[in-house]
Amino acid sequence: MLMQLLINALGFFITARIVPGIKIEDWGTLGVVAVVWGVLSIILKPILIILTLPVNFMTLGLFTFVINAALIMLMGQIVPGFGVKSFGTALLAAIVLALLNVVLGRLK
């Protein structure tokens, strides 16, 4: 669990450097973002995926990026020091995070 938290933190750090419009003020905010992302991924994301299952099925799973973008936007509202410029920025960040999770997950 700690390793996943570190991977999430590193993923958000790199994403904030790559994607314009994602702002993380300091290292403390980065830690909070990683924890909140983990909690949202465990609690809220499965519910959203089940509710949007027909759409997700029709898009061959690509709608999951939209769900992740919505969760990133939600984090931008509830985590002080974390900012997301627009939904398009959040969608790009969701794609970058997915790719980074594949790469960083192999480093475990």
C-alpha atoms as a PDB file:
ATOM      1  CA  MET A   1       0.000   0.000   0.000  1.00  0.00           C
ATOM      2  CA  LEU A   2       2.857   2.380   0.799  1.00  0.00           C
ATOM      3  CA  MET A   3       4.481   1.531  -2.529  1.00  0.00           C
ATOM      4  CA  GLN A   4       1.253   2.391  -4.390  1.00  0.00           C
ATOM      5  CA  LEU A   5       1.073   5.683  -2.492  1.00  0.00           C
ATOM      6  CA  LEU A   6       4.632   6.534  -3.574  1.00  0.00           C
ATOM      7  CA  ILE A   7       3.848   5.555  -7.172  1.00  0.00           C
ATOM      8  CA  ASN A   8       0.763   7.809  -7.112  1.00  0.00           C
ATOM      9  CA  ALA A   9       2.799  10.689  -5.683  1.00  0.00           C
ATOM     10  CA  LEU A  10       5.536  10.265  -8.277  1.00  0.00           C
ATOM     11  CA  GLY A  11       2.922   9.967 -11.029  1.00  0.00           C
ATOM     12  CA  PHE A  12       1.220  13.206  -9.992  1.00  0.00           C
ATOM     13  CA  PHE A  13       4.586  14.957  -9.645  1.00  0.00           C
ATOM     14  CA  ILE A  14       5.600  13.997 -13.189  1.00  0.00           C
ATOM     15  CA  THR A  15       2.122  14.770 -14.538  1.00  0.00           C
ATOM     16  CA  ALA A  16       2.211  18.252 -13.013  1.00  0.00           C
ATOM     17  CA  ARG A  17       5.539  18.839 -14.767  1.00  0.00           C
ATOM     18  CA  ILE A  18       4.331  17.532 -18.147  1.00  0.00           C
ATOM     19  CA  VAL A  19       0.712  18.730 -18.372  1.00  0.00           C
ATOM     20  CA  PRO A  20       0.219  22.499 -18.424  1.00  0.00           C
ATOM     21  CA  GLY A  21      -2.655  23.557 -16.184  1.00  0.00           C
ATOM     22  CA  ILE A  22      -1.977  21.108 -13.325  1.00  0.00           C
ATOM     23  CA  LYS A  23      -0.628  22.894 -10.251  1.00  0.00           C
ATOM     24  CA  ILE A  24       0.772  21.330  -7.088  1.00  0.00           C
ATOM     25  CA  GLU A  25       2.001  23.976  -4.663  1.00  0.00           C
ATOM     26  CA  ASP A  26       4.413  21.986  -2.462  1.00  0.00           C
ATOM     27  CA  TRP A  27       5.514  18.541  -1.284  1.00  0.00           C
ATOM     28  CA  GLY A  28       2.861  18.413   1.437  1.00  0.00           C
ATOM     29  CA  THR A  29       0.163  19.026  -1.137  1.00  0.00           C
ATOM     30  CA  LEU A  30       1.653  16.258  -3.277  1.00  0.00           C
ATOM     31  CA  GLY A  31       1.332  13.837  -0.354  1.00  0.00           C
ATOM     32  CA  VAL A  32      -2.275  14.846   0.264  1.00  0.00           C
ATOM     33  CA  VAL A  33      -3.058  14.483  -3.455  1.00  0.00           C
ATOM     34  CA  ALA A  34      -1.604  10.953  -3.484  1.00  0.00           C
ATOM     35  CA  VAL A  35      -3.636   9.935  -0.422  1.00  0.00           C
ATOM     36  CA  VAL A  36      -6.884  11.507  -1.678  1.00  0.00           C
ATOM     37  CA  TRP A  37      -6.395   9.897  -5.107  1.00  0.00           C
ATOM     38  CA  GLY A  38      -5.957   6.516  -3.405  1.00  0.00           C
ATOM     39  CA  VAL A  39      -9.115   6.986  -1.332  1.00  0.00           C
ATOM     40  CA  LEU A  40     -11.154   8.151  -4.338  1.00  0.00           C
ATOM     41  CA  SER A  41      -9.849   5.245  -6.417  1.00  0.00           C
ATOM     42  CA  ILE A  42     -10.873   2.745  -3.749  1.00  0.00           C
ATOM     43  CA  ILE A  43     -14.269   4.187  -2.799  1.00  0.00           C
ATOM     44  CA  LEU A  44     -15.733   6.348  -5.561  1.00  0.00           C
ATOM     45  CA  LYS A  45     -14.172   5.040  -8.779  1.00  0.00           C
ATOM     46  CA  PRO A  46     -15.698   1.504  -8.620  1.00  0.00           C
ATOM     47  CA  ILE A  47     -19.150   2.994  -8.041  1.00  0.00           C
ATOM     48  CA  LEU A  48     -18.764   5.322 -11.034  1.00  0.00           C
ATOM     49  CA  ILE A  49     -17.492   2.506 -13.237  1.00  0.00           C
ATOM     50  CA  ILE A  50     -20.495   0.324 -12.355  1.00  0.00           C
ATOM     51  CA  LEU A  51     -22.931   3.185 -12.960  1.00  0.00           C
ATOM     52  CA  THR A  52     -21.396   3.941 -16.357  1.00  0.00           C
ATOM     53  CA  LEU A  53     -20.846   0.324 -17.381  1.00  0.00           C
ATOM     54  CA  PRO A  54     -22.922   0.486 -20.608  1.00  0.00           C
ATOM     55  CA  VAL A  55     -21.070   3.580 -21.818  1.00  0.00           C
ATOM     56  CA  ASN A  56     -17.748   2.112 -20.762  1.00  0.00           C
ATOM     57  CA  PHE A  57     -18.574  -1.092 -22.619  1.00  0.00           C
ATOM     58  CA  MET A  58     -19.553   0.786 -25.787  1.00  0.00           C
ATOM     59  CA  THR A  59     -16.330   2.828 -25.729  1.00  0.00           C
ATOM     60  CA  LEU A  60     -14.195  -0.262 -25.053  1.00  0.00           C
ATOM     61  CA  GLY A  61     -13.108   1.086 -21.674  1.00  0.00           C
ATOM     62  CA  LEU A  62     -12.019   4.516 -22.874  1.00  0.00           C
ATOM     63  CA  PHE A  63     -14.733   6.182 -20.788  1.00  0.00           C
ATOM     64  CA  THR A  64     -12.600   5.273 -17.765  1.00  0.00           C
ATOM     65  CA  PHE A  65     -10.357   8.188 -18.724  1.00  0.00           C
ATOM     66  CA  VAL A  66     -13.370  10.497 -18.415  1.00  0.00           C
ATOM     67  CA  ILE A  67     -14.127   9.055 -14.963  1.00  0.00           C
ATOM     68  CA  ASN A  68     -10.502   9.592 -13.906  1.00  0.00           C
ATOM     69  CA  ALA A  69     -10.624  13.151 -15.263  1.00  0.00           C
ATOM     70  CA  ALA A  70     -13.771  13.824 -13.231  1.00  0.00           C
ATOM     71  CA  LEU A  71     -12.031  12.505 -10.114  1.00  0.00           C
ATOM     72  CA  ILE A  72      -9.026  14.739 -10.825  1.00  0.00           C
ATOM     73  CA  MET A  73     -11.386  17.716 -11.166  1.00  0.00           C
ATOM     74  CA  LEU A  74     -13.009  16.735  -7.864  1.00  0.00           C
ATOM     75  CA  MET A  75      -9.581  16.624  -6.214  1.00  0.00           C
ATOM     76  CA  GLY A  76      -8.896  20.096  -7.574  1.00  0.00           C
ATOM     77  CA  GLN A  77     -11.959  21.282  -5.656  1.00  0.00           C
ATOM     78  CA  ILE A  78     -11.274  19.539  -2.344  1.00  0.00           C
ATOM     79  CA  VAL A  79      -7.470  19.573  -1.986  1.00  0.00           C
ATOM     80  CA  PRO A  80      -6.038  22.998  -1.178  1.00  0.00           C
ATOM     81  CA  GLY A  81      -2.913  23.719  -3.209  1.00  0.00           C
ATOM     82  CA  PHE A  82      -3.901  21.400  -6.062  1.00  0.00           C
ATOM     83  CA  GLY A  83      -5.341  23.079  -9.120  1.00  0.00           C
ATOM     84  CA  VAL A  84      -6.705  21.909 -12.456  1.00  0.00           C
ATOM     85  CA  LYS A  85      -7.317  24.488 -15.168  1.00  0.00           C
ATOM     86  CA  SER A  86     -10.062  22.728 -17.171  1.00  0.00           C
ATOM     87  CA  PHE A  87     -11.690  19.397 -17.895  1.00  0.00           C
ATOM     88  CA  GLY A  88      -9.486  19.005 -20.988  1.00  0.00           C
ATOM     89  CA  THR A  89      -6.441  19.433 -18.781  1.00  0.00           C
ATOM     90  CA  ALA A  90      -7.822  16.837 -16.374  1.00  0.00           C
ATOM     91  CA  LEU A  91      -8.470  14.425 -19.258  1.00  0.00           C
ATOM     92  CA  LEU A  92      -4.919  14.819 -20.533  1.00  0.00           C
ATOM     93  CA  ALA A  93      -3.633  14.339 -16.979  1.00  0.00           C
ATOM     94  CA  ALA A  94      -5.708  11.145 -16.643  1.00  0.00           C
ATOM     95  CA  ILE A  95      -4.122   9.739 -19.803  1.00  0.00           C
ATOM     96  CA  VAL A  96      -0.607  10.691 -18.678  1.00  0.00           C
ATOM     97  CA  LEU A  97      -1.250   9.204 -15.214  1.00  0.00           C
ATOM     98  CA  ALA A  98      -2.454   5.945 -16.753  1.00  0.00           C
ATOM     99  CA  LEU A  99       0.689   5.672 -18.866  1.00  0.00           C
ATOM    100  CA  LEU A 100       2.909   6.565 -15.902  1.00  0.00           C
ATOM    101  CA  ASN A 101       1.176   3.987 -13.695  1.00  0.00           C
ATOM    102  CA  VAL A 102       1.993   1.303 -16.265  1.00  0.00           C
ATOM    103  CA  VAL A 103       5.652   2.335 -16.367  1.00  0.00           C
ATOM    104  CA  LEU A 104       6.064   3.003 -12.645  1.00  0.00           C
ATOM    105  CA  GLY A 105       4.079  -0.123 -11.709  1.00  0.00           C
ATOM    106  CA  ARG A 106       6.691  -2.243 -13.450  1.00  0.00           C
ATOM    107  CA  LEU A 107       9.369  -0.791 -11.178  1.00  0.00           C
ATOM    108  CA  LYS A 108       7.847  -2.412  -8.075  1.00  0.00           C
END
